[in-house]
């Protein structure tokens, strides 16, 4: 849902259930901080993780439960990346999107 808003430069959902996913999560978080520091726009990284204590499961069972029951409903991936889409900032992406909007163009002619 955040990915649809103007001003958002980067949105990704990651998980930390395997070493490979932990590395991917670190990369996504670093990218999000970098975009923020460069002034590209707002960023958000959602980390899907297990809570074995509150779930009453062993850590191994909690990770299996996460994979089987959460990830099908919360798919991983990049939901928005304005730089990958060819823009420098979220503002530039919003302006490009607005040029095709008849309401945004009203009164500019």
N, C-alpha and C. Protein backbone atom coordinates (compact mmCIF):
# COMPACT_ATOMS: atom_id res chain seq x y z
N UNK A 1 0.82 -1.19 0.00
CA UNK A 1 0.00 0.00 0.00
C UNK A 1 0.87 1.27 0.00
N UNK A 2 1.94 1.27 0.75
CA UNK A 2 2.83 2.43 0.76
C UNK A 2 3.44 2.68 -0.61
N UNK A 3 3.64 1.63 -1.37
CA UNK A 3 4.28 1.76 -2.68
C UNK A 3 3.45 2.61 -3.64
N UNK A 4 2.17 2.75 -3.40
CA UNK A 4 1.32 3.52 -4.30
C UNK A 4 1.35 5.01 -4.02
N UNK A 5 1.95 5.42 -2.90
CA UNK A 5 1.96 6.82 -2.52
C UNK A 5 3.09 7.59 -3.19
N UNK A 6 2.82 8.86 -3.50
CA UNK A 6 3.88 9.73 -3.99
C UNK A 6 4.82 10.04 -2.84
N UNK A 7 6.08 10.24 -3.14
CA UNK A 7 7.07 10.54 -2.11
C UNK A 7 7.82 9.31 -1.62
N UNK A 8 7.31 8.14 -1.96
CA UNK A 8 7.96 6.90 -1.55
C UNK A 8 8.94 6.49 -2.64
N UNK A 9 10.19 6.29 -2.24
CA UNK A 9 11.22 5.94 -3.21
C UNK A 9 11.51 4.45 -3.26
N UNK A 10 11.31 3.76 -2.13
CA UNK A 10 11.71 2.35 -2.08
C UNK A 10 10.89 1.62 -1.03
N UNK A 11 10.30 0.49 -1.43
CA UNK A 11 9.54 -0.36 -0.51
C UNK A 11 9.88 -1.81 -0.84
N UNK A 12 10.28 -2.56 0.18
CA UNK A 12 10.60 -3.97 -0.01
C UNK A 12 10.16 -4.76 1.21
N UNK A 13 9.70 -5.99 0.98
CA UNK A 13 9.39 -6.92 2.07
C UNK A 13 10.41 -8.05 2.02
N UNK A 14 11.03 -8.31 3.17
CA UNK A 14 12.07 -9.33 3.29
C UNK A 14 11.73 -10.23 4.47
N UNK A 15 12.47 -11.33 4.59
CA UNK A 15 12.34 -12.19 5.75
C UNK A 15 13.73 -12.59 6.22
N UNK A 16 13.79 -13.16 7.40
CA UNK A 16 15.09 -13.54 7.99
C UNK A 16 15.06 -15.01 8.41
N UNK A 17 14.47 -15.85 7.57
CA UNK A 17 14.31 -17.26 7.92
C UNK A 17 15.46 -18.16 7.47
N UNK A 18 16.34 -17.65 6.62
CA UNK A 18 17.50 -18.40 6.16
C UNK A 18 18.70 -17.45 6.09
N UNK A 19 19.92 -17.98 6.09
CA UNK A 19 21.08 -17.09 5.94
C UNK A 19 21.03 -16.24 4.66
N UNK A 20 20.57 -16.82 3.57
CA UNK A 20 20.47 -16.06 2.32
C UNK A 20 19.46 -14.91 2.46
N UNK A 21 18.35 -15.17 3.12
CA UNK A 21 17.35 -14.12 3.32
C UNK A 21 17.85 -13.05 4.29
N UNK A 22 18.66 -13.43 5.27
CA UNK A 22 19.25 -12.44 6.17
C UNK A 22 20.17 -11.50 5.39
N UNK A 23 20.97 -12.06 4.50
CA UNK A 23 21.85 -11.22 3.66
C UNK A 23 21.02 -10.29 2.77
N UNK A 24 19.95 -10.81 2.20
CA UNK A 24 19.08 -9.99 1.36
C UNK A 24 18.41 -8.88 2.19
N UNK A 25 18.04 -9.18 3.42
CA UNK A 25 17.43 -8.19 4.30
C UNK A 25 18.44 -7.08 4.63
N UNK A 26 19.67 -7.46 4.92
CA UNK A 26 20.71 -6.46 5.20
C UNK A 26 20.91 -5.54 3.98
N UNK A 27 20.92 -6.13 2.80
CA UNK A 27 21.10 -5.36 1.58
C UNK A 27 19.93 -4.39 1.37
N UNK A 28 18.71 -4.86 1.63
CA UNK A 28 17.53 -4.01 1.47
C UNK A 28 17.54 -2.86 2.47
N UNK A 29 17.91 -3.14 3.71
CA UNK A 29 17.95 -2.09 4.73
C UNK A 29 19.02 -1.06 4.40
N UNK A 30 20.17 -1.53 3.94
CA UNK A 30 21.25 -0.61 3.55
C UNK A 30 20.79 0.28 2.39
N UNK A 31 20.12 -0.33 1.41
CA UNK A 31 19.63 0.43 0.26
C UNK A 31 18.62 1.49 0.72
N UNK A 32 17.74 1.11 1.63
CA UNK A 32 16.73 2.05 2.13
C UNK A 32 17.39 3.23 2.83
N UNK A 33 18.37 2.97 3.69
CA UNK A 33 19.07 4.05 4.37
C UNK A 33 19.83 4.93 3.37
N UNK A 34 20.44 4.31 2.38
CA UNK A 34 21.18 5.06 1.37
C UNK A 34 20.24 6.01 0.61
N UNK A 35 19.10 5.51 0.17
CA UNK A 35 18.13 6.35 -0.53
C UNK A 35 17.70 7.52 0.35
N UNK A 36 17.45 7.24 1.63
CA UNK A 36 17.03 8.30 2.55
C UNK A 36 18.12 9.36 2.67
N UNK A 37 19.36 8.92 2.86
CA UNK A 37 20.47 9.87 3.03
C UNK A 37 20.73 10.67 1.76
N UNK A 38 20.45 10.08 0.61
CA UNK A 38 20.63 10.78 -0.67
C UNK A 38 19.45 11.70 -0.99
N UNK A 39 18.42 11.68 -0.18
CA UNK A 39 17.26 12.54 -0.39
C UNK A 39 16.35 12.08 -1.51
N UNK A 40 16.37 10.80 -1.82
CA UNK A 40 15.54 10.29 -2.94
C UNK A 40 14.07 10.20 -2.57
N UNK A 41 13.76 10.09 -1.29
CA UNK A 41 12.39 9.98 -0.83
C UNK A 41 12.28 9.04 0.35
N UNK A 42 11.07 8.85 0.79
CA UNK A 42 10.77 7.98 1.93
C UNK A 42 11.01 6.52 1.53
N UNK A 43 11.53 5.72 2.46
CA UNK A 43 11.75 4.30 2.19
C UNK A 43 11.16 3.47 3.32
N UNK A 44 10.84 2.22 2.98
CA UNK A 44 10.27 1.31 3.98
C UNK A 44 10.70 -0.11 3.66
N UNK A 45 11.23 -0.80 4.67
CA UNK A 45 11.55 -2.21 4.54
C UNK A 45 10.79 -2.95 5.63
N UNK A 46 9.92 -3.85 5.23
CA UNK A 46 9.17 -4.68 6.17
C UNK A 46 9.90 -6.01 6.31
N UNK A 47 10.20 -6.39 7.56
CA UNK A 47 10.91 -7.63 7.82
C UNK A 47 9.92 -8.63 8.45
N UNK A 48 9.63 -9.69 7.73
CA UNK A 48 8.75 -10.74 8.22
C UNK A 48 9.63 -11.71 9.02
N UNK A 49 9.29 -11.88 10.28
CA UNK A 49 10.11 -12.75 11.13
C UNK A 49 9.23 -13.57 12.06
N UNK A 50 9.84 -14.59 12.63
CA UNK A 50 9.14 -15.49 13.54
C UNK A 50 9.25 -14.98 14.98
N UNK A 51 8.31 -15.40 15.82
CA UNK A 51 8.35 -15.11 17.24
C UNK A 51 8.05 -16.41 17.98
N UNK A 52 9.05 -17.29 18.08
CA UNK A 52 8.79 -18.61 18.66
C UNK A 52 8.28 -18.57 20.09
N UNK A 53 8.68 -17.59 20.89
CA UNK A 53 8.24 -17.52 22.28
C UNK A 53 6.74 -17.30 22.36
N UNK A 54 6.25 -16.26 21.69
CA UNK A 54 4.82 -15.97 21.74
C UNK A 54 3.99 -16.99 20.96
N UNK A 55 4.56 -17.62 19.98
CA UNK A 55 3.84 -18.63 19.21
C UNK A 55 3.85 -19.97 19.92
N UNK A 56 4.69 -20.14 20.94
CA UNK A 56 4.76 -21.40 21.68
C UNK A 56 5.39 -22.51 20.84
N UNK A 57 6.31 -22.16 19.96
CA UNK A 57 6.95 -23.14 19.09
C UNK A 57 8.46 -23.11 19.30
N UNK A 58 9.11 -24.17 18.88
CA UNK A 58 10.57 -24.15 18.87
C UNK A 58 11.01 -23.21 17.74
N UNK A 59 12.24 -22.69 17.78
CA UNK A 59 12.68 -21.82 16.69
C UNK A 59 12.58 -22.47 15.31
N UNK A 60 12.93 -23.73 15.20
CA UNK A 60 12.86 -24.42 13.91
C UNK A 60 11.41 -24.54 13.45
N UNK A 61 10.52 -24.90 14.37
CA UNK A 61 9.10 -25.01 14.02
C UNK A 61 8.50 -23.64 13.67
N UNK A 62 8.94 -22.61 14.36
CA UNK A 62 8.43 -21.26 14.09
C UNK A 62 8.82 -20.81 12.68
N UNK A 63 10.05 -21.10 12.27
CA UNK A 63 10.48 -20.74 10.92
C UNK A 63 9.70 -21.52 9.86
N UNK A 64 9.45 -22.79 10.14
CA UNK A 64 8.65 -23.59 9.20
C UNK A 64 7.23 -23.04 9.12
N UNK A 65 6.66 -22.67 10.27
CA UNK A 65 5.31 -22.11 10.29
C UNK A 65 5.26 -20.81 9.51
N UNK A 66 6.28 -19.97 9.68
CA UNK A 66 6.37 -18.71 8.94
C UNK A 66 6.35 -18.96 7.44
N UNK A 67 7.18 -19.89 6.99
CA UNK A 67 7.26 -20.19 5.55
C UNK A 67 5.93 -20.72 5.01
N UNK A 68 5.30 -21.62 5.76
CA UNK A 68 4.08 -22.27 5.28
C UNK A 68 2.84 -21.39 5.40
N UNK A 69 2.78 -20.54 6.43
CA UNK A 69 1.54 -19.83 6.73
C UNK A 69 1.59 -18.32 6.52
N UNK A 70 2.76 -17.72 6.60
CA UNK A 70 2.84 -16.27 6.44
C UNK A 70 3.27 -15.84 5.05
N UNK A 71 4.32 -16.46 4.54
CA UNK A 71 4.86 -16.01 3.26
C UNK A 71 3.89 -16.13 2.09
N UNK A 72 2.98 -17.12 2.09
CA UNK A 72 1.99 -17.12 0.99
C UNK A 72 1.09 -15.89 1.01
N UNK A 73 0.86 -15.31 2.20
CA UNK A 73 -0.02 -14.15 2.32
C UNK A 73 0.75 -12.83 2.30
N UNK A 74 2.02 -12.88 2.61
CA UNK A 74 2.88 -11.70 2.61
C UNK A 74 4.07 -11.95 1.71
N UNK A 75 3.88 -11.90 0.39
CA UNK A 75 4.96 -12.24 -0.54
C UNK A 75 6.14 -11.28 -0.45
N UNK A 76 7.32 -11.85 -0.56
CA UNK A 76 8.55 -11.08 -0.49
C UNK A 76 8.80 -10.37 -1.82
N UNK A 77 9.59 -9.30 -1.75
CA UNK A 77 10.00 -8.65 -2.98
C UNK A 77 10.03 -7.15 -2.89
N UNK A 78 10.53 -6.53 -3.95
CA UNK A 78 10.58 -5.08 -4.06
C UNK A 78 9.24 -4.62 -4.63
N UNK A 79 8.58 -3.75 -3.91
CA UNK A 79 7.28 -3.25 -4.35
C UNK A 79 7.40 -1.90 -5.05
N UNK A 80 8.48 -1.17 -4.76
CA UNK A 80 8.72 0.09 -5.46
C UNK A 80 10.20 0.43 -5.34
N UNK A 81 10.79 0.86 -6.45
CA UNK A 81 12.16 1.34 -6.46
C UNK A 81 12.24 2.36 -7.59
N UNK A 82 12.17 3.64 -7.23
CA UNK A 82 12.12 4.68 -8.26
C UNK A 82 13.41 4.74 -9.07
N UNK A 83 14.54 4.41 -8.46
CA UNK A 83 15.80 4.42 -9.20
C UNK A 83 15.80 3.31 -10.26
N UNK A 84 15.35 2.12 -9.88
CA UNK A 84 15.25 1.02 -10.84
C UNK A 84 14.26 1.34 -11.96
N UNK A 85 13.28 2.20 -11.65
CA UNK A 85 12.30 2.62 -12.65
C UNK A 85 12.80 3.75 -13.53
N UNK A 86 14.04 4.22 -13.27
CA UNK A 86 14.65 5.23 -14.13
C UNK A 86 14.54 6.67 -13.64
N UNK A 87 14.17 6.87 -12.39
CA UNK A 87 14.05 8.22 -11.84
C UNK A 87 15.13 8.45 -10.79
N UNK A 88 15.47 9.70 -10.57
CA UNK A 88 16.46 10.05 -9.54
C UNK A 88 15.83 10.10 -8.16
N UNK A 89 14.59 10.61 -8.08
CA UNK A 89 13.92 10.78 -6.79
C UNK A 89 12.45 10.39 -6.91
N UNK A 90 11.82 10.25 -5.75
CA UNK A 90 10.39 9.96 -5.73
C UNK A 90 9.60 11.14 -6.29
N UNK A 91 10.08 12.35 -6.07
CA UNK A 91 9.39 13.53 -6.60
C UNK A 91 9.39 13.53 -8.13
N UNK A 92 10.52 13.16 -8.71
CA UNK A 92 10.61 13.07 -10.17
C UNK A 92 9.64 12.01 -10.70
N UNK A 93 9.55 10.89 -10.02
CA UNK A 93 8.62 9.83 -10.42
C UNK A 93 7.17 10.31 -10.32
N UNK A 94 6.85 11.06 -9.26
CA UNK A 94 5.49 11.57 -9.08
C UNK A 94 5.13 12.57 -10.18
N UNK A 95 6.06 13.43 -10.55
CA UNK A 95 5.79 14.39 -11.62
C UNK A 95 5.56 13.69 -12.96
N UNK A 96 6.34 12.65 -13.21
CA UNK A 96 6.17 11.90 -14.46
C UNK A 96 4.81 11.21 -14.49
N UNK A 97 4.40 10.69 -13.35
CA UNK A 97 3.10 10.02 -13.26
C UNK A 97 1.96 11.02 -13.40
N UNK A 98 2.14 12.22 -12.86
CA UNK A 98 1.08 13.23 -12.88
C UNK A 98 0.86 13.82 -14.27
N UNK A 99 1.85 13.75 -15.15
CA UNK A 99 1.68 14.37 -16.47
C UNK A 99 0.59 13.69 -17.29
N UNK A 100 0.25 12.45 -16.97
CA UNK A 100 -0.82 11.74 -17.68
C UNK A 100 -2.16 11.83 -16.97
N UNK A 101 -2.21 12.52 -15.86
CA UNK A 101 -3.44 12.62 -15.07
C UNK A 101 -4.22 13.86 -15.49
N UNK A 102 -5.44 13.69 -15.99
CA UNK A 102 -6.21 14.85 -16.44
C UNK A 102 -6.52 15.82 -15.31
N UNK A 103 -6.69 15.35 -14.12
CA UNK A 103 -7.00 16.24 -12.98
C UNK A 103 -5.78 17.09 -12.65
N UNK A 104 -4.60 16.47 -12.67
CA UNK A 104 -3.36 17.22 -12.37
C UNK A 104 -3.07 18.27 -13.44
N UNK A 105 -3.54 18.06 -14.66
CA UNK A 105 -3.27 18.98 -15.75
C UNK A 105 -4.34 20.08 -15.87
N UNK A 106 -5.40 19.95 -15.12
CA UNK A 106 -6.50 20.93 -15.20
C UNK A 106 -5.99 22.33 -14.87
N UNK A 107 -6.24 23.25 -15.71
CA UNK A 107 -5.86 24.64 -15.50
C UNK A 107 -4.43 24.97 -15.87
N UNK A 108 -3.69 24.04 -16.44
CA UNK A 108 -2.31 24.33 -16.83
C UNK A 108 -2.20 24.70 -18.30
N UNK A 109 -3.31 24.68 -19.02
CA UNK A 109 -3.26 24.98 -20.46
C UNK A 109 -3.56 26.42 -20.72
